[in-house]
C-alpha atoms as a PDB file:
ATOM      1  CA  MET A   1       0.000   0.000   0.000  1.00  0.00           C
ATOM      2  CA  ILE A   2       1.311   3.413  -0.988  1.00  0.00           C
ATOM      3  CA  PRO A   3       1.516   5.898   1.918  1.00  0.00           C
ATOM      4  CA  VAL A   4      -0.563   9.071   1.726  1.00  0.00           C
ATOM      5  CA  GLU A   5       2.586  11.198   1.879  1.00  0.00           C
ATOM      6  CA  TYR A   6       3.567  10.067  -1.629  1.00  0.00           C
ATOM      7  CA  TYR A   7       0.267  11.319  -2.997  1.00  0.00           C
ATOM      8  CA  LEU A   8       0.805  14.604  -1.203  1.00  0.00           C
ATOM      9  CA  TYR A   9       4.308  14.979  -2.659  1.00  0.00           C
ATOM     10  CA  ILE A  10       3.003  14.405  -6.193  1.00  0.00           C
ATOM     11  CA  SER A  11       0.147  16.809  -5.554  1.00  0.00           C
ATOM     12  CA  LEU A  12       2.498  19.444  -4.171  1.00  0.00           C
ATOM     13  CA  ALA A  13       4.796  19.100  -7.182  1.00  0.00           C
ATOM     14  CA  LEU A  14       1.884  19.499  -9.607  1.00  0.00           C
ATOM     15  CA  PHE A  15       0.509  22.474  -7.708  1.00  0.00           C
ATOM     16  CA  VAL A  16       3.879  24.254  -7.604  1.00  0.00           C
ATOM     17  CA  ILE A  17       4.484  23.617 -11.314  1.00  0.00           C
ATOM     18  CA  GLY A  18       1.016  24.979 -12.120  1.00  0.00           C
ATOM     19  CA  MET A  19       1.468  27.999  -9.866  1.00  0.00           C
ATOM     20  CA  MET A  20       4.845  28.852 -11.357  1.00  0.00           C
ATOM     21  CA  THR A  21       3.371  28.477 -14.832  1.00  0.00           C
ATOM     22  CA  VAL A  22       0.628  30.970 -13.979  1.00  0.00           C
ATOM     23  CA  PHE A  23       3.100  33.460 -12.491  1.00  0.00           C
ATOM     24  CA  ILE A  24       5.860  33.219 -15.103  1.00  0.00           C
ATOM     25  CA  ARG A  25       4.211  32.646 -18.486  1.00  0.00           C
ATOM     26  CA  LYS A  26       2.564  35.371 -20.542  1.00  0.00           C
ATOM     27  CA  ASN A  27       0.553  33.240 -22.980  1.00  0.00           C
ATOM     28  CA  ALA A  28      -3.095  32.977 -21.927  1.00  0.00           C
ATOM     29  CA  ILE A  29      -3.490  29.357 -23.044  1.00  0.00           C
ATOM     30  CA  VAL A  30      -0.400  28.273 -21.115  1.00  0.00           C
ATOM     31  CA  ILE A  31      -1.741  30.072 -18.044  1.00  0.00           C
ATOM     32  CA  LEU A  32      -4.973  28.073 -18.365  1.00  0.00           C
ATOM     33  CA  MET A  33      -2.911  24.892 -18.530  1.00  0.00           C
ATOM     34  CA  GLY A  34      -1.219  25.914 -15.275  1.00  0.00           C
ATOM     35  CA  ILE A  35      -4.603  26.435 -13.636  1.00  0.00           C
ATOM     36  CA  GLU A  36      -5.658  22.968 -14.776  1.00  0.00           C
ATOM     37  CA  LEU A  37      -2.513  21.513 -13.208  1.00  0.00           C
ATOM     38  CA  MET A  38      -3.431  23.127  -9.908  1.00  0.00           C
ATOM     39  CA  LEU A  39      -6.959  21.726 -10.111  1.00  0.00           C
ATOM     40  CA  ASN A  40      -5.579  18.260 -10.827  1.00  0.00           C
ATOM     41  CA  ALA A  41      -3.356  18.560  -7.759  1.00  0.00           C
ATOM     42  CA  ALA A  42      -6.459  19.254  -5.697  1.00  0.00           C
ATOM     43  CA  ASN A  43      -8.139  16.213  -7.263  1.00  0.00           C
ATOM     44  CA  ILE A  44      -5.243  13.988  -6.248  1.00  0.00           C
ATOM     45  CA  ASN A  45      -5.574  15.263  -2.679  1.00  0.00           C
ATOM     46  CA  LEU A  46      -9.319  14.601  -2.638  1.00  0.00           C
ATOM     47  CA  VAL A  47      -8.936  11.018  -3.822  1.00  0.00           C
ATOM     48  CA  ALA A  48      -5.943  10.282  -1.594  1.00  0.00           C
ATOM     49  CA  PHE A  49      -7.584  11.590   1.569  1.00  0.00           C
ATOM     50  CA  SER A  50     -10.836   9.790   0.871  1.00  0.00           C
ATOM     51  CA  LYS A  51      -8.958   6.548   0.227  1.00  0.00           C
ATOM     52  CA  PHE A  52      -7.092   6.723   3.506  1.00  0.00           C
ATOM     53  CA  ASP A  53     -10.145   7.953   5.418  1.00  0.00           C
ATOM     54  CA  GLY A  54     -12.054   4.795   4.545  1.00  0.00           C
ATOM     55  CA  GLN A  55     -14.755   6.531   2.501  1.00  0.00           C
ATOM     56  CA  GLU A  56     -13.540   5.798  -0.980  1.00  0.00           C
ATOM     57  CA  ILE A  57     -16.539   7.080  -2.919  1.00  0.00           C
ATOM     58  CA  ASP A  58     -16.810  10.564  -1.361  1.00  0.00           C
ATOM     59  CA  GLY A  59     -13.474  11.827  -2.654  1.00  0.00           C
ATOM     60  CA  GLN A  60     -14.134  10.355  -6.071  1.00  0.00           C
ATOM     61  CA  LEU A  61     -17.491  12.119  -6.280  1.00  0.00           C
ATOM     62  CA  PHE A  62     -15.948  15.440  -5.270  1.00  0.00           C
ATOM     63  CA  THR A  63     -13.185  14.873  -7.815  1.00  0.00           C
ATOM     64  CA  LEU A  64     -15.755  14.200 -10.535  1.00  0.00           C
ATOM     65  CA  PHE A  65     -17.517  17.429  -9.568  1.00  0.00           C
ATOM     66  CA  VAL A  66     -14.239  19.395  -9.734  1.00  0.00           C
ATOM     67  CA  ILE A  67     -13.470  17.891 -13.157  1.00  0.00           C
ATOM     68  CA  MET A  68     -16.878  18.950 -14.473  1.00  0.00           C
ATOM     69  CA  ILE A  69     -16.460  22.492 -13.128  1.00  0.00           C
ATOM     70  CA  ALA A  70     -12.931  22.679 -14.579  1.00  0.00           C
ATOM     71  CA  ALA A  71     -14.198  21.566 -17.988  1.00  0.00           C
ATOM     72  CA  ALA A  72     -16.877  24.255 -17.963  1.00  0.00           C
ATOM     73  CA  GLU A  73     -14.366  26.866 -16.811  1.00  0.00           C
ATOM     74  CA  MET A  74     -11.917  25.835 -19.519  1.00  0.00           C
ATOM     75  CA  THR A  75     -14.610  26.029 -22.201  1.00  0.00           C
ATOM     76  CA  VAL A  76     -15.646  29.552 -21.252  1.00  0.00           C
ATOM     77  CA  ALA A  77     -12.048  30.731 -20.817  1.00  0.00           C
ATOM     78  CA  LEU A  78     -10.965  29.321 -24.179  1.00  0.00           C
ATOM     79  CA  ALA A  79     -13.939  30.973 -25.895  1.00  0.00           C
ATOM     80  CA  ILE A  80     -12.961  34.319 -24.375  1.00  0.00           C
ATOM     81  CA  ILE A  81      -9.309  33.847 -25.334  1.00  0.00           C
ATOM     82  CA  VAL A  82     -10.209  32.899 -28.919  1.00  0.00           C
ATOM     83  CA  LYS A  83     -12.324  36.050 -29.224  1.00  0.00           C
ATOM     84  CA  VAL A  84      -9.548  38.236 -27.790  1.00  0.00           C
ATOM     85  CA  VAL A  85      -6.916  36.634 -30.028  1.00  0.00           C
ATOM     86  CA  ARG A  86      -9.082  37.240 -33.085  1.00  0.00           C
ATOM     87  CA  THR A  87      -9.525  40.862 -32.054  1.00  0.00           C
ATOM     88  CA  PHE A  88      -5.926  41.715 -31.082  1.00  0.00           C
ATOM     89  CA  ASN A  89      -3.951  38.992 -32.940  1.00  0.00           C
ATOM     90  CA  THR A  90      -2.031  38.013 -29.791  1.00  0.00           C
ATOM     91  CA  ALA A  91      -2.390  35.651 -26.822  1.00  0.00           C
ATOM     92  CA  ASN A  92       0.009  37.654 -24.656  1.00  0.00           C
ATOM     93  CA  VAL A  93      -1.773  38.683 -21.461  1.00  0.00           C
ATOM     94  CA  ASP A  94       0.308  41.848 -21.153  1.00  0.00           C
ATOM     95  CA  GLU A  95      -1.328  43.182 -24.295  1.00  0.00           C
ATOM     96  CA  PHE A  96      -4.862  42.453 -23.063  1.00  0.00           C
ATOM     97  CA  ASN A  97      -4.868  45.738 -21.136  1.00  0.00           C
ATOM     98  CA  LYS A  98      -6.002  47.404 -24.378  1.00  0.00           C
ATOM     99  CA  LEU A  99      -9.472  46.137 -23.445  1.00  0.00           C
ATOM    100  CA  LYS A 100      -9.704  48.767 -20.685  1.00  0.00           C
ATOM    101  CA  GLY A 101     -10.054  51.719 -23.015  1.00  0.00           C
END
C-alpha cells in the first residue's frame, strides 16, 4: 500500500508547477494549462484523503464534480481567449490591457 505522503508529494509538485506556470508565463493558453494543473493537484488530494479515510466514494465524487467544473471553466475561458486573439492577434496577457479603453 502506498503511503498518503507520496500522494501529497506528487500533488504538491503538480501544484507548484502549475502555480509557477501561472506566475511566469505570458501566454493565456499556457496560463490556463497551469490552472488545470493546480486543479488536478487538488483532485489527487481529494482522492488520496478519501482513500485513507475509509470513505472511498466521497473523494471520487468530489473529484468528478471538480473535473466537471474545470471543464466548464476551460470552455468559457478558451472561448474568451479565442475572441480576444481574433480581435488583437495576440495571446500575450500583457497586451490584453487594451481592453480597458
